[in-house]
Amino acid sequence: QVKLVESGGGSVQAGGSLRLACTPSEDTDSAYSMAWFRQAPGKERVGVAGLYTDGSGTYYADSVKGRFTMSQDNSKNILYLQMNSLKPEDTAMYYCAAGIGSEVVDYGLATPQSYNYWGQGTQVTVSS
């Protein structure tokens, strides 16, 4: 069973940058899609950025467009999220997700139900 491990979270001041990484425990060549979600205390988990691994599409939440960039190191199957110009409202637990295998049902890159593998999360805290 694939495990996803997030890293790179931390505490920064507003305007700062962080780069998150999502490292799978094994080859994810069969991954259909991968994404980053975030969840703030008392709020729902929402999609931040996502991609189809065949390159057919990407998604960015309106709140992060122009500030966050998602990329993938295909040789290492690592998914990155470069976060620039961070704001206090970006404070949340950030989760990596992957849709792997034939059981995946695509409800769209921003929908949690489209993914069947999740990491444990990495905390991002932005102070004003």
N, C-alpha and C. Protein backbone atom coordinates (compact mmCIF):
# COMPACT_ATOMS: atom_id res chain seq x y z
N GLN A 1 0.85 -1.18 0.00
CA GLN A 1 0.00 0.00 0.00
C GLN A 1 0.89 1.24 0.00
N VAL A 2 0.59 2.14 -0.89
CA VAL A 2 1.38 3.36 -1.01
C VAL A 2 1.15 4.25 0.19
N LYS A 3 2.22 4.79 0.72
CA LYS A 3 2.12 5.81 1.75
C LYS A 3 2.69 7.11 1.21
N LEU A 4 2.05 8.20 1.54
CA LEU A 4 2.50 9.52 1.13
C LEU A 4 3.02 10.27 2.35
N VAL A 5 4.20 10.83 2.24
CA VAL A 5 4.81 11.54 3.36
C VAL A 5 5.07 12.98 2.95
N GLU A 6 4.44 13.91 3.67
CA GLU A 6 4.64 15.33 3.42
C GLU A 6 5.79 15.85 4.27
N SER A 7 6.47 16.85 3.74
CA SER A 7 7.52 17.53 4.49
C SER A 7 7.61 18.97 4.02
N GLY A 8 8.31 19.79 4.79
CA GLY A 8 8.54 21.17 4.39
C GLY A 8 7.69 22.21 5.07
N GLY A 9 6.76 21.79 5.90
CA GLY A 9 5.95 22.76 6.61
C GLY A 9 6.74 23.50 7.67
N GLY A 10 6.15 24.52 8.24
CA GLY A 10 6.82 25.29 9.28
C GLY A 10 6.10 26.58 9.55
N SER A 11 6.79 27.46 10.27
CA SER A 11 6.24 28.76 10.63
C SER A 11 7.01 29.85 9.93
N VAL A 12 6.29 30.74 9.28
CA VAL A 12 6.92 31.86 8.58
C VAL A 12 6.10 33.12 8.81
N GLN A 13 6.70 34.24 8.55
CA GLN A 13 5.97 35.50 8.60
C GLN A 13 5.29 35.75 7.26
N ALA A 14 4.27 36.57 7.31
CA ALA A 14 3.55 36.94 6.09
C ALA A 14 4.53 37.48 5.05
N GLY A 15 4.34 37.04 3.81
CA GLY A 15 5.24 37.43 2.74
C GLY A 15 6.35 36.43 2.49
N GLY A 16 6.51 35.50 3.40
CA GLY A 16 7.55 34.50 3.27
C GLY A 16 7.18 33.36 2.34
N SER A 17 8.09 32.40 2.23
CA SER A 17 7.90 31.28 1.32
C SER A 17 8.20 29.96 2.02
N LEU A 18 7.56 28.92 1.54
CA LEU A 18 7.84 27.55 1.96
C LEU A 18 7.68 26.65 0.75
N ARG A 19 8.39 25.53 0.76
CA ARG A 19 8.19 24.52 -0.28
C ARG A 19 7.86 23.20 0.39
N LEU A 20 6.69 22.71 0.07
CA LEU A 20 6.27 21.41 0.58
C LEU A 20 6.65 20.32 -0.41
N ALA A 21 6.92 19.14 0.11
CA ALA A 21 7.22 17.98 -0.73
C ALA A 21 6.36 16.81 -0.29
N CYS A 22 5.96 16.03 -1.25
CA CYS A 22 5.17 14.82 -0.98
C CYS A 22 5.93 13.65 -1.60
N THR A 23 6.40 12.76 -0.74
CA THR A 23 7.21 11.64 -1.21
C THR A 23 6.44 10.34 -1.02
N PRO A 24 6.19 9.62 -2.08
CA PRO A 24 5.51 8.33 -1.94
C PRO A 24 6.47 7.24 -1.50
N SER A 25 5.94 6.24 -0.82
CA SER A 25 6.77 5.15 -0.29
C SER A 25 7.19 4.18 -1.38
N GLU A 26 6.51 4.23 -2.51
CA GLU A 26 6.87 3.37 -3.62
C GLU A 26 6.49 4.05 -4.92
N ASP A 27 6.82 3.41 -6.00
CA ASP A 27 6.57 3.97 -7.31
C ASP A 27 5.08 4.25 -7.50
N THR A 28 4.77 5.45 -7.96
CA THR A 28 3.37 5.82 -8.17
C THR A 28 3.09 6.01 -9.65
N ASP A 29 3.72 5.18 -10.48
CA ASP A 29 3.48 5.30 -11.92
C ASP A 29 2.02 5.12 -12.26
N SER A 30 1.31 4.38 -11.41
CA SER A 30 -0.11 4.14 -11.71
C SER A 30 -1.00 5.25 -11.20
N ALA A 31 -0.40 6.29 -10.61
CA ALA A 31 -1.22 7.39 -10.09
C ALA A 31 -1.92 8.10 -11.25
N TYR A 32 -3.19 8.32 -11.07
CA TYR A 32 -4.01 9.02 -12.06
C TYR A 32 -3.96 10.53 -11.82
N SER A 33 -3.91 10.91 -10.56
CA SER A 33 -3.91 12.31 -10.20
C SER A 33 -3.23 12.49 -8.86
N MET A 34 -2.72 13.68 -8.62
CA MET A 34 -2.13 14.02 -7.34
C MET A 34 -2.51 15.46 -7.01
N ALA A 35 -2.53 15.76 -5.72
CA ALA A 35 -3.01 17.08 -5.33
C ALA A 35 -2.54 17.45 -3.94
N TRP A 36 -2.68 18.72 -3.66
CA TRP A 36 -2.49 19.27 -2.32
C TRP A 36 -3.82 19.82 -1.83
N PHE A 37 -4.16 19.47 -0.60
CA PHE A 37 -5.33 20.01 0.08
C PHE A 37 -4.87 20.69 1.36
N ARG A 38 -5.73 21.50 1.93
CA ARG A 38 -5.42 22.07 3.23
C ARG A 38 -6.68 22.15 4.07
N GLN A 39 -6.46 22.11 5.37
CA GLN A 39 -7.58 22.16 6.30
C GLN A 39 -7.19 23.01 7.50
N ALA A 40 -7.92 24.08 7.69
CA ALA A 40 -7.73 24.94 8.84
C ALA A 40 -8.63 24.46 9.98
N PRO A 41 -8.30 24.76 11.22
CA PRO A 41 -9.11 24.30 12.35
C PRO A 41 -10.57 24.73 12.21
N GLY A 42 -11.46 23.78 12.35
CA GLY A 42 -12.88 24.06 12.29
C GLY A 42 -13.43 24.25 10.89
N LYS A 43 -12.60 24.01 9.89
CA LYS A 43 -13.05 24.20 8.51
C LYS A 43 -12.89 22.91 7.71
N GLU A 44 -13.54 22.87 6.57
CA GLU A 44 -13.47 21.70 5.72
C GLU A 44 -12.11 21.62 4.99
N ARG A 45 -11.77 20.42 4.57
CA ARG A 45 -10.58 20.24 3.77
C ARG A 45 -10.88 20.71 2.35
N VAL A 46 -10.02 21.57 1.83
CA VAL A 46 -10.26 22.14 0.50
C VAL A 46 -9.05 21.94 -0.40
N GLY A 47 -9.31 21.84 -1.68
CA GLY A 47 -8.25 21.66 -2.65
C GLY A 47 -7.45 22.94 -2.85
N VAL A 48 -6.14 22.79 -2.90
CA VAL A 48 -5.25 23.93 -3.14
C VAL A 48 -4.72 23.87 -4.56
N ALA A 49 -4.21 22.71 -4.95
CA ALA A 49 -3.66 22.53 -6.29
C ALA A 49 -3.68 21.05 -6.62
N GLY A 50 -3.88 20.74 -7.89
CA GLY A 50 -3.92 19.35 -8.30
C GLY A 50 -3.52 19.19 -9.75
N LEU A 51 -3.17 17.97 -10.12
CA LEU A 51 -2.80 17.70 -11.51
C LEU A 51 -3.14 16.28 -11.90
N TYR A 52 -3.39 16.10 -13.18
CA TYR A 52 -3.49 14.77 -13.76
C TYR A 52 -2.08 14.38 -14.19
N THR A 53 -1.64 13.20 -13.83
CA THR A 53 -0.25 12.82 -14.07
C THR A 53 0.07 12.64 -15.56
N ASP A 54 -0.95 12.57 -16.39
CA ASP A 54 -0.68 12.48 -17.83
C ASP A 54 -0.53 13.85 -18.45
N GLY A 55 -0.58 14.89 -17.62
CA GLY A 55 -0.38 16.24 -18.11
C GLY A 55 -1.60 16.88 -18.73
N SER A 56 -2.76 16.26 -18.57
CA SER A 56 -3.95 16.75 -19.25
C SER A 56 -4.63 17.91 -18.55
N GLY A 57 -4.21 18.21 -17.32
CA GLY A 57 -4.85 19.33 -16.65
C GLY A 57 -4.29 19.59 -15.28
N THR A 58 -4.44 20.82 -14.85
CA THR A 58 -4.04 21.23 -13.50
C THR A 58 -5.14 22.07 -12.89
N TYR A 59 -5.07 22.21 -11.59
CA TYR A 59 -6.06 23.02 -10.85
C TYR A 59 -5.33 23.82 -9.78
N TYR A 60 -5.72 25.06 -9.64
CA TYR A 60 -5.29 25.90 -8.54
C TYR A 60 -6.51 26.60 -7.97
N ALA A 61 -6.62 26.61 -6.66
CA ALA A 61 -7.68 27.38 -6.03
C ALA A 61 -7.47 28.86 -6.30
N ASP A 62 -8.54 29.61 -6.46
CA ASP A 62 -8.44 31.04 -6.74
C ASP A 62 -7.61 31.76 -5.69
N SER A 63 -7.69 31.29 -4.46
CA SER A 63 -7.02 31.97 -3.35
C SER A 63 -5.50 31.84 -3.41
N VAL A 64 -4.98 30.92 -4.23
CA VAL A 64 -3.53 30.72 -4.28
C VAL A 64 -2.95 30.98 -5.66
N LYS A 65 -3.78 31.25 -6.64
CA LYS A 65 -3.29 31.49 -7.99
C LYS A 65 -2.30 32.65 -8.00
N GLY A 66 -1.19 32.44 -8.68
CA GLY A 66 -0.16 33.46 -8.75
C GLY A 66 0.82 33.44 -7.60
N ARG A 67 0.50 32.69 -6.55
CA ARG A 67 1.39 32.61 -5.38
C ARG A 67 1.95 31.21 -5.18
N PHE A 68 1.15 30.20 -5.46
CA PHE A 68 1.57 28.81 -5.27
C PHE A 68 1.83 28.16 -6.62
N THR A 69 2.84 27.31 -6.67
CA THR A 69 3.15 26.55 -7.88
C THR A 69 3.39 25.10 -7.52
N MET A 70 2.70 24.24 -8.20
CA MET A 70 2.84 22.80 -8.00
C MET A 70 3.71 22.24 -9.10
N SER A 71 4.58 21.31 -8.75
CA SER A 71 5.41 20.66 -9.75
C SER A 71 5.66 19.22 -9.33
N GLN A 72 6.12 18.45 -10.29
CA GLN A 72 6.35 17.03 -10.02
C GLN A 72 7.70 16.62 -10.58
N ASP A 73 8.47 15.95 -9.75
CA ASP A 73 9.73 15.35 -10.18
C ASP A 73 9.42 13.92 -10.60
N ASN A 74 9.25 13.72 -11.88
CA ASN A 74 8.80 12.42 -12.35
C ASN A 74 9.82 11.31 -12.08
N SER A 75 11.09 11.67 -12.06
CA SER A 75 12.11 10.64 -11.84
C SER A 75 12.05 10.10 -10.43
N LYS A 76 11.59 10.94 -9.50
CA LYS A 76 11.52 10.51 -8.10
C LYS A 76 10.08 10.41 -7.60
N ASN A 77 9.13 10.72 -8.49
CA ASN A 77 7.71 10.69 -8.10
C ASN A 77 7.42 11.57 -6.91
N ILE A 78 8.13 12.68 -6.80
CA ILE A 78 7.89 13.61 -5.71
C ILE A 78 7.03 14.77 -6.21
N LEU A 79 6.04 15.13 -5.42
CA LEU A 79 5.17 16.25 -5.74
C LEU A 79 5.55 17.42 -4.85
N TYR A 80 5.73 18.58 -5.44
CA TYR A 80 6.11 19.76 -4.69
C TYR A 80 5.00 20.81 -4.72
N LEU A 81 5.01 21.67 -3.71
CA LEU A 81 4.15 22.85 -3.71
C LEU A 81 5.00 24.02 -3.22
N GLN A 82 5.36 24.89 -4.15
CA GLN A 82 6.10 26.10 -3.82
C GLN A 82 5.11 27.17 -3.43
N MET A 83 5.23 27.68 -2.22
CA MET A 83 4.28 28.66 -1.72
C MET A 83 5.01 29.97 -1.45
N ASN A 84 4.66 30.99 -2.22
CA ASN A 84 5.27 32.31 -2.07
C ASN A 84 4.24 33.32 -1.59
N SER A 85 4.71 34.45 -1.13
CA SER A 85 3.83 35.53 -0.65
C SER A 85 2.77 34.99 0.30
N LEU A 86 3.20 34.22 1.25
CA LEU A 86 2.26 33.58 2.17
C LEU A 86 1.51 34.60 3.01
N LYS A 87 0.26 34.27 3.28
CA LYS A 87 -0.62 35.13 4.06
C LYS A 87 -1.08 34.37 5.32
N PRO A 88 -1.48 35.09 6.35
CA PRO A 88 -1.99 34.40 7.54
C PRO A 88 -3.14 33.43 7.24
N GLU A 89 -3.95 33.77 6.25
CA GLU A 89 -5.07 32.89 5.92
C GLU A 89 -4.63 31.60 5.23
N ASP A 90 -3.35 31.48 4.91
CA ASP A 90 -2.82 30.22 4.38
C ASP A 90 -2.51 29.23 5.49
N THR A 91 -2.61 29.67 6.72
CA THR A 91 -2.33 28.78 7.85
C THR A 91 -3.29 27.61 7.87
N ALA A 92 -2.73 26.40 7.86
CA ALA A 92 -3.55 25.19 7.82
C ALA A 92 -2.63 23.97 7.87
N MET A 93 -3.26 22.81 8.02
CA MET A 93 -2.56 21.56 7.80
C MET A 93 -2.66 21.25 6.31
N TYR A 94 -1.54 20.97 5.70
CA TYR A 94 -1.51 20.69 4.28
C TYR A 94 -1.33 19.19 4.05
N TYR A 95 -2.17 18.64 3.18
CA TYR A 95 -2.17 17.21 2.91
C TYR A 95 -1.88 16.95 1.44
N CYS A 96 -1.10 15.91 1.21
CA CYS A 96 -0.88 15.40 -0.14
C CYS A 96 -1.88 14.28 -0.39
N ALA A 97 -2.36 14.19 -1.61
CA ALA A 97 -3.32 13.16 -1.96
C ALA A 97 -2.99 12.60 -3.34
N ALA A 98 -3.35 11.33 -3.54
CA ALA A 98 -3.12 10.69 -4.83
C ALA A 98 -4.30 9.79 -5.17
N GLY A 99 -4.63 9.77 -6.43
CA GLY A 99 -5.63 8.84 -6.94
C GLY A 99 -4.90 7.74 -7.67
N ILE A 100 -4.92 6.54 -7.11
CA ILE A 100 -4.13 5.44 -7.65
C ILE A 100 -5.01 4.22 -7.87
N GLY A 101 -4.86 3.62 -9.04
CA GLY A 101 -5.54 2.36 -9.28
C GLY A 101 -6.86 2.51 -10.00
N SER A 102 -7.39 1.38 -10.40
CA SER A 102 -8.61 1.37 -11.20
C SER A 102 -9.85 1.79 -10.42
N GLU A 103 -9.76 1.78 -9.08
CA GLU A 103 -10.93 2.14 -8.29
C GLU A 103 -11.16 3.64 -8.19
N VAL A 104 -10.20 4.42 -8.73
CA VAL A 104 -10.33 5.87 -8.64
C VAL A 104 -11.53 6.35 -9.46
N VAL A 105 -12.33 7.20 -8.85
CA VAL A 105 -13.44 7.85 -9.54
C VAL A 105 -13.11 9.34 -9.58
N ASP A 106 -13.09 9.89 -10.76
CA ASP A 106 -12.67 11.27 -10.93
C ASP A 106 -13.87 12.21 -10.77
N TYR A 107 -13.92 12.88 -9.64
CA TYR A 107 -14.93 13.91 -9.40
C TYR A 107 -14.36 15.31 -9.63
N GLY A 108 -13.15 15.35 -10.13
CA GLY A 108 -12.48 16.63 -10.32
C GLY A 108 -11.31 16.77 -9.38
N LEU A 109 -10.31 17.51 -9.81
CA LEU A 109 -9.06 17.61 -9.05
C LEU A 109 -9.26 18.26 -7.68
N ALA A 110 -10.27 19.09 -7.53
CA ALA A 110 -10.46 19.80 -6.27
C ALA A 110 -11.32 19.05 -5.26
N THR A 111 -11.78 17.87 -5.62
CA THR A 111 -12.72 17.13 -4.77
C THR A 111 -12.00 16.03 -4.01
N PRO A 112 -12.07 16.03 -2.69
CA PRO A 112 -11.35 15.01 -1.90
C PRO A 112 -11.72 13.58 -2.29
N GLN A 113 -12.96 13.36 -2.70
CA GLN A 113 -13.40 12.00 -3.03
C GLN A 113 -12.72 11.44 -4.27
N SER A 114 -11.99 12.28 -5.00
CA SER A 114 -11.27 11.81 -6.19
C SER A 114 -9.98 11.09 -5.84
N TYR A 115 -9.60 11.09 -4.54
CA TYR A 115 -8.31 10.57 -4.13
C TYR A 115 -8.50 9.46 -3.11
N ASN A 116 -7.71 8.41 -3.25
CA ASN A 116 -7.83 7.28 -2.33
C ASN A 116 -6.59 7.06 -1.47
N TYR A 117 -5.59 7.93 -1.60
CA TYR A 117 -4.42 7.86 -0.74
C TYR A 117 -4.12 9.25 -0.21
N TRP A 118 -3.83 9.32 1.09
CA TRP A 118 -3.58 10.60 1.75
C TRP A 118 -2.36 10.50 2.66
N GLY A 119 -1.63 11.60 2.75
CA GLY A 119 -0.56 11.69 3.72
C GLY A 119 -1.09 12.12 5.07
N GLN A 120 -0.20 12.20 6.05
CA GLN A 120 -0.58 12.57 7.41
C GLN A 120 -0.66 14.08 7.59
N GLY A 121 -0.11 14.82 6.67
CA GLY A 121 -0.21 16.27 6.74
C GLY A 121 1.05 16.93 7.30
N THR A 122 1.26 18.17 6.90
CA THR A 122 2.34 18.98 7.44
C THR A 122 1.77 20.37 7.74
N GLN A 123 2.10 20.89 8.90
CA GLN A 123 1.51 22.15 9.36
C GLN A 123 2.24 23.35 8.76
N VAL A 124 1.46 24.29 8.27
CA VAL A 124 1.98 25.58 7.79
C VAL A 124 1.32 26.67 8.62
N THR A 125 2.15 27.49 9.25
CA THR A 125 1.65 28.59 10.07
C THR A 125 2.27 29.89 9.59
N VAL A 126 1.42 30.85 9.24
CA VAL A 126 1.88 32.13 8.74
C VAL A 126 1.44 33.21 9.72
N SER A 127 2.38 33.94 10.26
CA SER A 127 2.08 34.99 11.23
C SER A 127 2.11 36.36 10.55
N SER A 128 1.30 37.25 11.08
CA SER A 128 1.21 38.59 10.48
C SER A 128 2.25 39.52 11.05
